[in-house]
N, C-alpha and C. Protein backbone atom coordinates (compact mmCIF):
# COMPACT_ATOMS: atom_id res chain seq x y z
N MET A 1 -26.80 -77.03 27.22
CA MET A 1 -27.24 -75.65 27.05
C MET A 1 -28.24 -75.82 25.20
N LYS A 2 -29.24 -75.26 25.26
CA LYS A 2 -29.89 -75.04 23.85
C LYS A 2 -29.71 -73.54 23.64
N PHE A 3 -28.42 -73.33 22.71
CA PHE A 3 -27.98 -72.17 22.64
C PHE A 3 -27.79 -72.16 20.84
N GLY A 4 -28.47 -73.10 20.15
CA GLY A 4 -27.97 -73.49 18.51
C GLY A 4 -26.52 -73.45 18.81
N ILE A 5 -25.69 -72.48 17.63
CA ILE A 5 -24.20 -72.80 17.41
C ILE A 5 -23.23 -72.47 18.67
N PHE A 6 -23.73 -71.69 19.77
CA PHE A 6 -23.43 -71.64 20.97
C PHE A 6 -23.20 -72.98 21.80
N ASP A 7 -23.82 -73.77 21.81
CA ASP A 7 -24.11 -75.21 22.42
C ASP A 7 -22.61 -75.91 22.88
N SER A 8 -21.99 -75.88 21.48
CA SER A 8 -20.53 -76.46 21.75
C SER A 8 -19.74 -75.69 22.74
N PHE A 9 -20.07 -74.31 22.87
CA PHE A 9 -19.11 -73.47 23.69
C PHE A 9 -18.34 -74.08 25.13
N TRP A 10 -19.65 -74.78 25.50
CA TRP A 10 -19.34 -75.30 26.91
C TRP A 10 -19.02 -76.65 26.88
N ASP A 11 -18.00 -77.03 26.57
CA ASP A 11 -17.74 -78.44 26.37
C ASP A 11 -17.24 -78.81 27.74
N ASN A 12 -18.05 -79.29 28.61
CA ASN A 12 -18.12 -79.31 29.93
C ASN A 12 -16.92 -78.68 30.66
N GLN A 13 -16.56 -77.82 30.31
CA GLN A 13 -15.81 -76.48 31.11
C GLN A 13 -16.78 -75.53 31.33
N PRO A 14 -16.29 -74.96 32.20
CA PRO A 14 -17.10 -73.37 32.70
C PRO A 14 -16.30 -72.19 31.71
N ASN A 15 -16.37 -72.33 29.94
CA ASN A 15 -15.60 -71.62 29.35
C ASN A 15 -16.34 -70.26 29.69
N HIS A 16 -17.13 -69.95 30.28
CA HIS A 16 -17.46 -68.39 30.48
C HIS A 16 -16.65 -67.64 31.27
N LEU A 17 -16.07 -68.49 32.59
CA LEU A 17 -15.86 -67.82 33.53
C LEU A 17 -14.49 -66.84 33.51
N PRO A 18 -13.51 -66.93 32.38
CA PRO A 18 -12.45 -66.29 31.68
C PRO A 18 -13.15 -64.67 31.41
N LEU A 19 -13.84 -64.78 30.68
CA LEU A 19 -14.85 -63.84 30.29
C LEU A 19 -15.52 -62.68 31.16
N LEU A 20 -15.05 -63.49 32.27
CA LEU A 20 -15.82 -62.12 33.38
C LEU A 20 -14.78 -61.00 33.98
N ASN A 21 -13.49 -61.35 33.92
CA ASN A 21 -12.49 -60.15 34.30
C ASN A 21 -11.19 -60.02 32.98
N LEU A 22 -11.49 -61.24 31.91
CA LEU A 22 -10.39 -61.19 30.92
C LEU A 22 -9.15 -61.10 31.06
N ARG A 23 -8.82 -61.74 31.95
CA ARG A 23 -7.22 -61.97 32.35
C ARG A 23 -6.53 -62.55 31.54
N ILE A 24 -5.60 -62.05 30.97
CA ILE A 24 -5.15 -62.39 29.67
C ILE A 24 -4.32 -63.72 29.95
N ASP A 25 -5.11 -64.89 29.41
CA ASP A 25 -4.40 -66.06 29.85
C ASP A 25 -4.41 -66.68 27.90
N LEU A 26 -3.69 -66.95 27.05
CA LEU A 26 -3.58 -67.56 25.81
C LEU A 26 -2.91 -68.57 25.84
N SER A 27 -2.48 -69.40 27.12
CA SER A 27 -1.68 -70.64 26.93
C SER A 27 -2.30 -72.00 26.30
N ASP A 28 -1.94 -72.61 25.74
CA ASP A 28 -2.39 -73.76 24.95
C ASP A 28 -3.07 -74.96 26.11
N THR A 29 -4.38 -74.96 26.84
CA THR A 29 -4.34 -75.90 27.70
C THR A 29 -5.58 -76.60 27.70
N GLU A 30 -6.07 -77.63 28.15
CA GLU A 30 -7.05 -78.71 28.20
C GLU A 30 -8.33 -77.88 28.79
N THR A 31 -7.84 -77.36 29.81
CA THR A 31 -8.68 -77.08 30.93
C THR A 31 -9.06 -75.48 30.38
N PHE A 32 -10.03 -74.47 30.95
CA PHE A 32 -10.54 -73.68 30.61
C PHE A 32 -9.20 -72.51 30.86
N ASN A 33 -9.54 -71.67 30.31
CA ASN A 33 -8.95 -69.75 30.39
C ASN A 33 -9.15 -69.29 28.90
N LEU A 34 -8.69 -68.08 29.13
CA LEU A 34 -9.54 -66.79 28.28
C LEU A 34 -9.04 -67.44 26.87
N GLY A 35 -8.17 -67.71 26.49
CA GLY A 35 -7.32 -68.10 25.19
C GLY A 35 -8.39 -69.29 24.78
N LYS A 36 -8.50 -70.37 25.16
CA LYS A 36 -9.53 -71.37 24.98
C LYS A 36 -10.67 -71.04 24.45
N SER A 37 -11.11 -69.74 25.74
CA SER A 37 -12.86 -69.52 25.28
C SER A 37 -13.03 -68.61 24.33
N LEU A 38 -11.90 -67.69 23.81
CA LEU A 38 -11.96 -66.83 22.36
C LEU A 38 -11.76 -67.96 21.14
N LYS A 39 -10.62 -68.90 21.37
CA LYS A 39 -10.81 -69.80 19.96
C LYS A 39 -12.01 -70.80 19.98
N LEU A 40 -12.89 -70.78 21.12
CA LEU A 40 -13.83 -71.48 20.85
C LEU A 40 -14.68 -70.74 19.99
N LEU A 41 -14.87 -69.13 20.49
CA LEU A 41 -15.82 -68.45 19.97
C LEU A 41 -15.48 -68.25 18.32
N ASP A 42 -14.28 -68.09 18.19
CA ASP A 42 -13.76 -68.26 16.76
C ASP A 42 -14.22 -69.22 16.03
N GLN A 43 -13.88 -70.42 16.68
CA GLN A 43 -14.63 -71.20 15.73
C GLN A 43 -15.99 -71.16 15.64
N ILE A 44 -16.68 -71.04 16.79
CA ILE A 44 -18.35 -70.84 16.12
C ILE A 44 -18.49 -69.82 15.20
N ILE A 45 -17.94 -68.77 15.14
CA ILE A 45 -18.44 -67.65 14.18
C ILE A 45 -17.60 -67.82 12.97
N SER A 46 -16.46 -68.63 12.63
CA SER A 46 -16.03 -69.04 11.29
C SER A 46 -16.91 -69.97 10.67
N ASN A 47 -17.88 -70.81 11.71
CA ASN A 47 -18.64 -72.04 11.21
C ASN A 47 -19.95 -71.52 10.86
N SER A 48 -20.23 -70.24 11.03
CA SER A 48 -21.33 -70.21 11.25
C SER A 48 -21.63 -69.00 10.11
N THR A 49 -23.34 -68.86 9.85
CA THR A 49 -23.48 -67.69 8.91
C THR A 49 -24.18 -66.79 10.02
N ILE A 50 -23.87 -65.49 9.33
CA ILE A 50 -23.94 -64.40 10.09
C ILE A 50 -25.59 -64.43 10.68
N GLU A 51 -26.46 -64.72 10.00
CA GLU A 51 -27.85 -64.57 10.76
C GLU A 51 -27.44 -65.80 11.79
N GLU A 52 -27.18 -66.98 11.71
CA GLU A 52 -27.06 -67.80 12.81
C GLU A 52 -26.64 -67.25 13.91
N ILE A 53 -25.42 -66.44 13.57
CA ILE A 53 -24.64 -65.53 14.83
C ILE A 53 -25.40 -64.68 15.55
N TYR A 54 -26.26 -63.93 14.77
CA TYR A 54 -27.27 -62.98 15.52
C TYR A 54 -28.25 -63.44 15.88
N ASN A 55 -29.10 -64.31 15.64
CA ASN A 55 -30.27 -65.07 16.10
C ASN A 55 -29.69 -65.51 17.31
N ASP A 56 -28.82 -66.49 17.23
CA ASP A 56 -28.29 -67.10 18.68
C ASP A 56 -27.30 -66.17 19.72
N THR A 57 -27.06 -65.04 19.40
CA THR A 57 -26.44 -64.12 20.32
C THR A 57 -27.61 -63.70 20.85
N LEU A 58 -28.89 -62.70 20.06
CA LEU A 58 -29.83 -62.54 20.85
C LEU A 58 -30.63 -63.56 21.50
N ALA A 59 -30.45 -64.92 21.17
CA ALA A 59 -31.47 -65.71 22.11
C ALA A 59 -30.64 -65.89 23.47
N MET A 60 -28.95 -65.73 23.47
CA MET A 60 -28.43 -65.78 24.59
C MET A 60 -28.60 -64.25 25.30
N LEU A 61 -29.05 -63.34 24.77
CA LEU A 61 -29.43 -62.27 25.63
C LEU A 61 -30.81 -61.71 25.96
N ALA A 62 -31.33 -62.58 25.54
CA ALA A 62 -33.00 -62.54 26.26
C ALA A 62 -33.09 -63.58 27.35
N GLU A 63 -32.23 -64.45 27.66
CA GLU A 63 -32.20 -65.01 28.63
C GLU A 63 -31.67 -64.27 29.80
N LEU A 64 -32.28 -64.60 31.25
CA LEU A 64 -31.60 -63.78 32.28
C LEU A 64 -30.27 -64.33 33.00
N ASN A 65 -29.79 -65.19 32.30
CA ASN A 65 -28.44 -65.81 33.07
C ASN A 65 -27.20 -65.01 32.52
N TRP A 66 -26.63 -64.46 32.81
CA TRP A 66 -25.38 -63.32 33.02
C TRP A 66 -24.54 -64.16 32.30
N ARG A 67 -24.22 -65.63 32.61
CA ARG A 67 -23.22 -66.26 31.92
C ARG A 67 -23.46 -66.32 30.01
N LEU A 68 -24.67 -66.16 29.82
CA LEU A 68 -24.89 -66.32 28.36
C LEU A 68 -24.80 -64.95 28.06
N HIS A 69 -24.91 -63.93 28.61
CA HIS A 69 -24.71 -62.23 28.28
C HIS A 69 -23.13 -62.31 28.23
N LEU A 70 -22.15 -62.76 28.83
CA LEU A 70 -20.55 -62.55 28.78
C LEU A 70 -20.27 -63.33 27.42
N VAL A 71 -21.20 -64.20 27.20
CA VAL A 71 -20.68 -64.72 25.72
C VAL A 71 -21.36 -64.26 24.75
N ALA A 72 -22.30 -63.50 24.94
CA ALA A 72 -23.11 -62.68 23.81
C ALA A 72 -22.12 -61.65 23.42
N LEU A 73 -21.61 -60.94 24.55
CA LEU A 73 -20.60 -59.62 24.55
C LEU A 73 -19.49 -59.73 23.53
N ILE A 74 -18.78 -60.91 24.13
CA ILE A 74 -17.69 -61.17 23.51
C ILE A 74 -17.96 -61.61 22.22
N THR A 75 -18.84 -62.27 21.83
CA THR A 75 -19.32 -62.50 20.51
C THR A 75 -19.44 -61.47 19.68
N ILE A 76 -19.99 -60.55 19.84
CA ILE A 76 -20.57 -58.93 19.43
C ILE A 76 -19.14 -58.26 18.86
N LEU A 77 -18.43 -58.51 19.72
CA LEU A 77 -16.92 -57.35 19.74
C LEU A 77 -16.12 -58.45 18.79
N LYS A 78 -16.18 -59.53 18.55
CA LYS A 78 -15.58 -60.37 17.48
C LYS A 78 -16.11 -59.89 16.14
N LEU A 79 -17.10 -59.29 15.83
CA LEU A 79 -18.14 -59.62 14.63
C LEU A 79 -17.24 -57.81 14.15
N GLU A 80 -17.50 -57.75 12.46
CA GLU A 80 -17.18 -56.58 12.24
C GLU A 80 -18.27 -55.43 12.65
N LYS A 81 -17.67 -53.98 12.30
CA LYS A 81 -18.66 -53.04 12.89
C LYS A 81 -19.61 -52.49 12.85
N SER A 82 -20.30 -53.32 11.28
CA SER A 82 -21.28 -53.13 10.66
C SER A 82 -22.14 -53.72 11.48
N GLU A 83 -21.91 -54.99 12.02
CA GLU A 83 -22.58 -56.03 12.25
C GLU A 83 -23.04 -55.68 14.02
N GLN A 84 -21.54 -55.38 14.45
CA GLN A 84 -21.64 -54.77 15.73
C GLN A 84 -23.19 -53.89 15.98
N GLN A 85 -23.48 -53.32 15.25
CA GLN A 85 -24.49 -51.73 14.97
C GLN A 85 -25.62 -52.91 15.45
N LYS A 86 -25.88 -53.32 15.07
CA LYS A 86 -26.98 -54.48 14.63
C LYS A 86 -27.77 -54.44 16.20
N PHE A 87 -26.82 -54.97 17.16
CA PHE A 87 -27.26 -55.14 18.38
C PHE A 87 -27.26 -54.04 19.62
N ILE A 88 -27.22 -52.76 18.91
CA ILE A 88 -27.03 -51.71 20.13
C ILE A 88 -28.01 -51.78 21.29
N ASP A 89 -29.44 -51.48 20.16
CA ASP A 89 -30.69 -51.40 21.29
C ASP A 89 -31.21 -52.40 21.82
N PHE A 90 -30.74 -53.83 21.22
CA PHE A 90 -31.07 -54.56 22.11
C PHE A 90 -29.75 -55.28 23.54
N LEU A 91 -29.09 -54.51 23.22
CA LEU A 91 -28.18 -54.45 24.68
C LEU A 91 -28.45 -53.51 25.48
N TRP A 92 -29.11 -52.21 24.97
CA TRP A 92 -29.61 -51.37 25.89
C TRP A 92 -31.05 -51.97 26.55
N LYS A 93 -31.85 -52.81 25.83
CA LYS A 93 -32.74 -53.22 26.75
C LYS A 93 -32.48 -54.36 27.32
N ARG A 94 -31.68 -54.72 27.24
CA ARG A 94 -31.01 -55.91 28.30
C ARG A 94 -30.47 -55.43 29.34
N LEU A 95 -29.47 -54.24 29.37
CA LEU A 95 -29.25 -53.27 30.46
C LEU A 95 -30.84 -53.42 31.26
N CYS A 96 -31.52 -52.64 30.86
CA CYS A 96 -33.25 -51.96 31.45
C CYS A 96 -33.70 -53.35 31.90
N LEU A 97 -33.81 -54.41 31.36
CA LEU A 97 -34.26 -55.77 31.77
C LEU A 97 -33.53 -56.33 32.79
N GLY A 98 -32.15 -56.02 33.00
CA GLY A 98 -31.61 -56.40 34.22
C GLY A 98 -30.38 -57.34 33.73
N THR A 99 -29.27 -57.21 34.68
CA THR A 99 -28.45 -58.32 34.33
C THR A 99 -27.24 -57.89 35.19
N TRP A 100 -26.33 -59.49 36.24
CA TRP A 100 -25.34 -59.01 36.81
C TRP A 100 -24.49 -58.56 36.06
N VAL A 101 -24.17 -58.54 34.96
CA VAL A 101 -22.77 -58.08 34.26
C VAL A 101 -23.18 -56.73 33.45
N SER A 102 -23.82 -55.82 33.93
CA SER A 102 -23.77 -54.54 33.57
C SER A 102 -22.79 -53.71 33.10
N PRO A 103 -21.94 -53.79 34.63
CA PRO A 103 -20.49 -53.35 33.58
C PRO A 103 -20.10 -53.60 32.75
N GLN A 104 -19.94 -55.12 32.12
CA GLN A 104 -19.16 -55.16 31.29
C GLN A 104 -20.19 -55.31 29.72
N LEU A 105 -21.17 -55.26 29.96
CA LEU A 105 -22.36 -54.57 29.14
C LEU A 105 -22.38 -53.12 28.74
N LEU A 106 -22.50 -52.42 29.86
CA LEU A 106 -22.04 -50.88 29.28
C LEU A 106 -20.63 -50.72 28.85
N VAL A 107 -19.26 -51.85 29.00
CA VAL A 107 -18.30 -51.28 28.11
C VAL A 107 -18.22 -51.73 27.21
N THR A 108 -19.03 -52.81 26.75
CA THR A 108 -19.14 -53.31 25.23
C THR A 108 -19.81 -52.09 24.37
N LEU A 109 -21.08 -51.49 25.22
CA LEU A 109 -21.61 -50.34 24.49
C LEU A 109 -20.78 -49.28 23.89
N LEU A 110 -20.15 -48.93 25.04
CA LEU A 110 -19.16 -48.22 25.12
C LEU A 110 -18.37 -48.23 23.65
N LYS A 111 -18.00 -49.47 23.33
CA LYS A 111 -17.22 -49.78 22.45
C LYS A 111 -17.52 -49.42 21.05
N ILE A 112 -19.00 -49.56 20.89
CA ILE A 112 -19.84 -50.08 19.92
C ILE A 112 -20.80 -48.95 19.12
N ASP A 113 -21.18 -48.24 20.36
CA ASP A 113 -22.65 -47.25 20.03
C ASP A 113 -21.65 -46.11 20.04
N PHE A 114 -21.67 -45.09 18.94
CA PHE A 114 -21.09 -43.98 18.83
C PHE A 114 -21.88 -43.32 19.45
N ASN A 115 -23.29 -43.18 20.19
CA ASN A 115 -24.16 -42.21 20.92
C ASN A 115 -24.05 -42.41 22.39
N PHE A 116 -22.61 -43.52 22.55
CA PHE A 116 -22.91 -43.78 23.87
C PHE A 116 -22.88 -42.58 25.08
N LYS A 117 -21.94 -41.75 24.61
CA LYS A 117 -21.61 -40.09 25.92
C LYS A 117 -23.05 -39.84 25.91
N GLU A 118 -23.85 -39.47 24.77
CA GLU A 118 -24.99 -38.74 24.62
C GLU A 118 -26.14 -39.49 25.80
N LYS A 119 -26.02 -41.08 25.63
CA LYS A 119 -27.27 -41.69 25.97
C LYS A 119 -26.89 -42.16 27.37
N SER A 120 -25.64 -42.11 27.81
CA SER A 120 -25.32 -41.85 29.33
C SER A 120 -25.33 -40.75 30.07
N GLU A 121 -25.31 -39.79 29.60
CA GLU A 121 -25.33 -38.41 30.18
C GLU A 121 -27.30 -38.26 30.25
N LEU A 122 -27.93 -38.46 29.24
CA LEU A 122 -29.56 -38.60 29.70
C LEU A 122 -29.57 -39.16 30.87
N LEU A 123 -29.26 -40.34 30.70
CA LEU A 123 -29.24 -41.68 32.12
C LEU A 123 -28.52 -40.53 33.27
N LEU A 124 -27.69 -40.38 33.34
CA LEU A 124 -26.80 -40.10 34.69
C LEU A 124 -27.72 -38.65 34.94
N ASN A 125 -27.85 -37.67 33.92
CA ASN A 125 -27.94 -36.41 34.55
C ASN A 125 -29.43 -35.43 34.35
N GLU A 126 -29.79 -36.19 33.23
CA GLU A 126 -31.11 -35.71 32.66
C GLU A 126 -32.58 -36.53 33.22
N ILE A 127 -32.86 -37.61 33.09
CA ILE A 127 -34.00 -38.09 33.21
C ILE A 127 -33.98 -39.35 34.01
N GLY A 128 -32.60 -39.83 34.51
CA GLY A 128 -32.41 -41.25 35.41
C GLY A 128 -32.84 -42.27 34.89
N LEU A 129 -32.40 -43.18 35.89
CA LEU A 129 -32.70 -44.63 35.12
C LEU A 129 -33.74 -45.03 34.63
N ASN A 130 -34.58 -45.20 35.64
CA ASN A 130 -36.00 -45.35 35.78
C ASN A 130 -36.70 -45.10 34.62
N GLU A 131 -36.77 -43.61 34.33
CA GLU A 131 -37.44 -42.97 33.00
C GLU A 131 -36.63 -43.53 31.85
N PHE A 132 -35.37 -43.78 31.81
CA PHE A 132 -34.36 -44.37 30.51
C PHE A 132 -35.14 -45.99 30.33
N ARG A 133 -35.54 -46.39 31.40
CA ARG A 133 -36.01 -47.75 30.89
C ARG A 133 -37.07 -47.67 29.82
N THR A 134 -38.15 -46.57 30.28
CA THR A 134 -39.05 -46.32 29.49
C THR A 134 -38.84 -46.66 28.03
N ASN A 135 -37.69 -45.69 27.71
CA ASN A 135 -37.54 -45.62 26.00
C ASN A 135 -37.25 -47.28 25.47
N TYR A 136 -36.68 -48.33 26.31
CA TYR A 136 -36.70 -49.48 25.54
C TYR A 136 -37.58 -50.71 26.34
N LEU A 137 -38.78 -50.48 26.92
CA LEU A 137 -39.32 -51.55 27.53
C LEU A 137 -40.71 -50.78 27.39
N SER A 138 -41.49 -52.19 27.17
CA SER A 138 -42.78 -52.16 26.90
C SER A 138 -43.41 -51.94 28.68
N GLU A 139 -44.65 -51.43 28.89
CA GLU A 139 -45.12 -51.53 30.22
C GLU A 139 -45.35 -52.60 30.96
N GLN A 140 -45.74 -53.65 29.97
CA GLN A 140 -45.33 -55.37 30.60
C GLN A 140 -44.23 -55.98 31.08
N GLU A 141 -43.07 -55.28 30.02
CA GLU A 141 -42.03 -55.51 30.60
C GLU A 141 -41.19 -55.08 31.46
N LEU A 142 -41.70 -53.46 31.90
CA LEU A 142 -41.30 -52.99 33.04
C LEU A 142 -42.02 -53.28 34.27
N VAL A 143 -43.36 -54.20 34.52
CA VAL A 143 -44.09 -54.44 35.50
C VAL A 143 -43.40 -56.25 35.61
N GLY A 144 -43.24 -56.83 34.64
CA GLY A 144 -42.33 -58.04 34.85
C GLY A 144 -41.20 -58.20 35.50
N ARG A 145 -40.32 -57.48 35.05
CA ARG A 145 -39.10 -57.45 35.89
C ARG A 145 -38.88 -58.24 36.98
N THR A 146 -38.05 -59.18 37.14
CA THR A 146 -37.47 -59.73 38.36
C THR A 146 -36.02 -59.70 38.22
N PHE A 147 -36.01 -58.89 39.63
CA PHE A 147 -34.12 -58.44 39.78
C PHE A 147 -34.30 -57.87 40.75
N ASN A 148 -32.92 -57.81 41.03
CA ASN A 148 -32.42 -56.97 42.36
C ASN A 148 -31.90 -55.84 42.48
N TYR A 149 -33.15 -54.88 42.08
CA TYR A 149 -32.69 -53.85 40.82
C TYR A 149 -32.00 -52.59 41.77
N GLU A 150 -32.27 -52.58 43.07
CA GLU A 150 -31.42 -51.92 44.02
C GLU A 150 -29.93 -51.61 44.20
N LEU A 151 -29.45 -52.89 44.14
CA LEU A 151 -28.44 -53.17 44.04
C LEU A 151 -27.73 -52.79 42.32
N ALA A 152 -28.33 -53.41 41.71
CA ALA A 152 -28.09 -53.39 40.23
C ALA A 152 -28.21 -51.75 39.48
N ASP A 153 -29.26 -51.17 40.03
CA ASP A 153 -29.03 -50.07 39.85
C ASP A 153 -27.82 -48.87 40.16
N TYR A 154 -27.59 -49.20 41.50
CA TYR A 154 -26.06 -48.88 41.71
C TYR A 154 -24.79 -49.35 40.92
N LYS A 155 -25.02 -50.51 40.17
CA LYS A 155 -23.68 -50.81 39.93
C LYS A 155 -23.66 -50.60 38.37
N ILE A 156 -25.13 -50.26 37.94
CA ILE A 156 -25.12 -49.37 36.34
C ILE A 156 -24.58 -48.17 36.92
N LEU A 157 -24.74 -47.59 37.54
CA LEU A 157 -24.99 -45.89 37.61
C LEU A 157 -23.28 -45.55 37.84
N ASN A 158 -22.64 -46.40 38.53
CA ASN A 158 -21.24 -45.80 39.35
C ASN A 158 -20.57 -46.66 37.77
N SER A 159 -20.87 -47.70 37.21
CA SER A 159 -20.31 -48.28 36.05
C SER A 159 -20.29 -46.88 35.12
N LEU A 160 -21.16 -46.19 34.96
CA LEU A 160 -21.37 -45.10 33.71
C LEU A 160 -20.22 -43.89 34.19
N ARG A 161 -20.23 -43.36 35.66
CA ARG A 161 -19.69 -42.70 35.87
C ARG A 161 -18.45 -43.00 35.82
N TYR A 162 -18.15 -43.87 36.12
CA TYR A 162 -16.37 -43.99 35.60
C TYR A 162 -16.15 -44.10 33.99
N LEU A 163 -16.77 -44.77 33.28
CA LEU A 163 -16.84 -44.65 31.94
C LEU A 163 -17.25 -43.48 31.07
N ASN A 164 -17.87 -42.33 32.00
CA ASN A 164 -17.78 -41.08 31.35
C ASN A 164 -17.13 -40.04 31.97
N ASP A 165 -16.79 -40.19 33.26
CA ASP A 165 -16.16 -39.07 33.88
C ASP A 165 -14.58 -39.74 34.76
N ARG A 166 -14.51 -40.90 34.41
CA ARG A 166 -13.09 -41.91 35.65
C ARG A 166 -13.70 -41.34 36.81
N LYS A 167 -14.60 -41.54 37.34
CA LYS A 167 -15.11 -41.11 38.77
C LYS A 167 -15.42 -42.44 39.39
N ILE A 168 -15.05 -42.70 40.61
CA ILE A 168 -15.86 -43.93 40.91
C ILE A 168 -15.87 -43.70 42.60
N LEU A 169 -17.37 -43.88 42.58
CA LEU A 169 -17.60 -43.54 44.24
C LEU A 169 -17.65 -44.59 44.98
N THR A 170 -16.84 -44.53 46.31
CA THR A 170 -16.69 -45.53 47.11
C THR A 170 -17.84 -45.38 48.12
N ASP A 171 -18.85 -44.66 48.88
CA ASP A 171 -19.53 -44.81 49.54
C ASP A 171 -20.93 -45.25 49.10
N ILE A 172 -21.02 -46.03 48.10
CA ILE A 172 -22.09 -46.86 48.18
C ILE A 172 -21.70 -48.12 47.50
N ASP A 173 -22.78 -49.18 48.01
CA ASP A 173 -22.75 -50.72 47.73
C ASP A 173 -23.03 -51.07 46.22
N ASP A 174 -22.21 -50.99 45.25
CA ASP A 174 -22.51 -51.25 43.94
C ASP A 174 -21.75 -52.34 43.19
N ASP A 175 -21.34 -53.53 44.07
CA ASP A 175 -21.19 -54.58 43.87
C ASP A 175 -19.92 -54.58 43.14
N ASN A 176 -18.86 -53.25 43.06
CA ASN A 176 -17.51 -53.00 42.42
C ASN A 176 -18.11 -52.66 40.97
N GLY A 177 -18.66 -52.13 40.54
CA GLY A 177 -19.71 -51.63 39.02
C GLY A 177 -18.52 -51.08 38.92
N ALA A 178 -18.20 -50.03 39.18
CA ALA A 178 -17.17 -49.11 38.70
C ALA A 178 -15.48 -49.97 38.10
N LYS A 179 -15.56 -50.80 39.37
CA LYS A 179 -13.91 -51.18 39.14
C LYS A 179 -14.32 -52.44 37.91
N ILE A 180 -14.86 -52.73 38.17
CA ILE A 180 -15.47 -53.91 36.93
C ILE A 180 -15.39 -53.55 35.53
N ALA A 181 -15.84 -52.35 35.34
CA ALA A 181 -15.99 -51.50 34.26
C ALA A 181 -14.62 -51.01 33.64
N GLN A 182 -13.69 -50.59 34.68
CA GLN A 182 -12.83 -50.15 34.44
C GLN A 182 -11.81 -51.21 33.81
N ASN A 183 -11.68 -52.42 34.65
CA ASN A 183 -10.85 -53.66 34.14
C ASN A 183 -11.01 -54.25 33.38
N TRP A 184 -12.41 -54.37 32.81
CA TRP A 184 -13.02 -54.71 31.44
C TRP A 184 -12.81 -53.97 30.35
N ASN A 185 -12.75 -52.75 30.26
CA ASN A 185 -12.08 -51.43 29.54
C ASN A 185 -10.50 -51.83 29.07
N GLU A 186 -10.07 -51.28 30.31
CA GLU A 186 -8.52 -51.69 29.94
C GLU A 186 -8.19 -52.99 29.13
N GLN A 187 -8.65 -53.91 29.63
CA GLN A 187 -8.47 -55.66 28.95
C GLN A 187 -9.16 -55.83 27.58
N LEU A 188 -10.37 -54.95 27.26
CA LEU A 188 -10.37 -55.25 25.66
C LEU A 188 -9.56 -54.10 25.35
N THR A 189 -8.81 -53.18 25.87
CA THR A 189 -8.25 -52.48 24.88
C THR A 189 -6.87 -53.17 24.46
N GLU A 190 -6.19 -54.37 25.49
CA GLU A 190 -5.36 -55.00 24.92
C GLU A 190 -5.42 -56.17 24.03
N LEU A 191 -6.90 -56.62 24.33
CA LEU A 191 -6.93 -57.98 23.08
C LEU A 191 -7.33 -57.23 22.01
N ASN A 192 -7.81 -55.82 22.15
CA ASN A 192 -7.64 -55.11 21.09
C ASN A 192 -6.63 -55.04 19.94
N LYS A 193 -5.66 -54.63 20.98
CA LYS A 193 -3.86 -54.59 20.24
C LYS A 193 -3.67 -55.96 19.60
N LEU A 194 -4.16 -56.98 20.67
CA LEU A 194 -3.66 -58.15 20.12
C LEU A 194 -4.50 -59.20 18.81
N GLY A 195 -5.31 -58.01 18.29
CA GLY A 195 -6.12 -58.67 17.13
C GLY A 195 -7.22 -59.52 17.59
N LEU A 196 -7.49 -59.97 18.45
CA LEU A 196 -8.47 -61.15 19.03
C LEU A 196 -10.12 -60.32 19.32
N ILE A 197 -10.40 -59.01 19.28
CA ILE A 197 -11.63 -58.11 19.24
C ILE A 197 -11.33 -57.22 18.29
N LYS A 198 -12.65 -56.92 17.90
CA LYS A 198 -12.82 -55.66 16.88
C LYS A 198 -13.40 -54.65 17.83
N ASN A 199 -12.67 -53.50 18.06
CA ASN A 199 -12.99 -52.50 18.55
C ASN A 199 -12.66 -50.85 18.26
């Protein structure tokens, strides 16, 4: 992969996979697990300037590949609060452009965006997802999106319903969006208690 300081994250292992569900396995192993993935990110962060981290994290978020998005999200959650704030608008934009890991992205925004509740209520109850997208995307970006939006939109909306009101709608196909958001939120809380992220 060609993502600057993050190229070394994939050392012939799918080190992004443990970030999908954040199942806490911190054992010392040569194969991939969450502990190894977090250590690799810690090494990358400690050996890089904040400018490199910012630029290369944005480069990953600019891609359509959800694997890169997961690495970017955990990287952001490992930074100081003041640095996390710099990514908020771009995370909302990535959500509007589309990502298969929208529940994880929304949980990250819940943790770092002080205006999350206000924005999510605007999206859920006032203007809707399509109009919300116009806040973050240009007309050209809106027209040029290439994504399975029907399923992805349900995933976003149900994840937001859970994060706002702890409600899970079971009568729509949302690819388990709300349950993914619930799990990621709970697991991040545990990682925070262990001092492995900052939220």
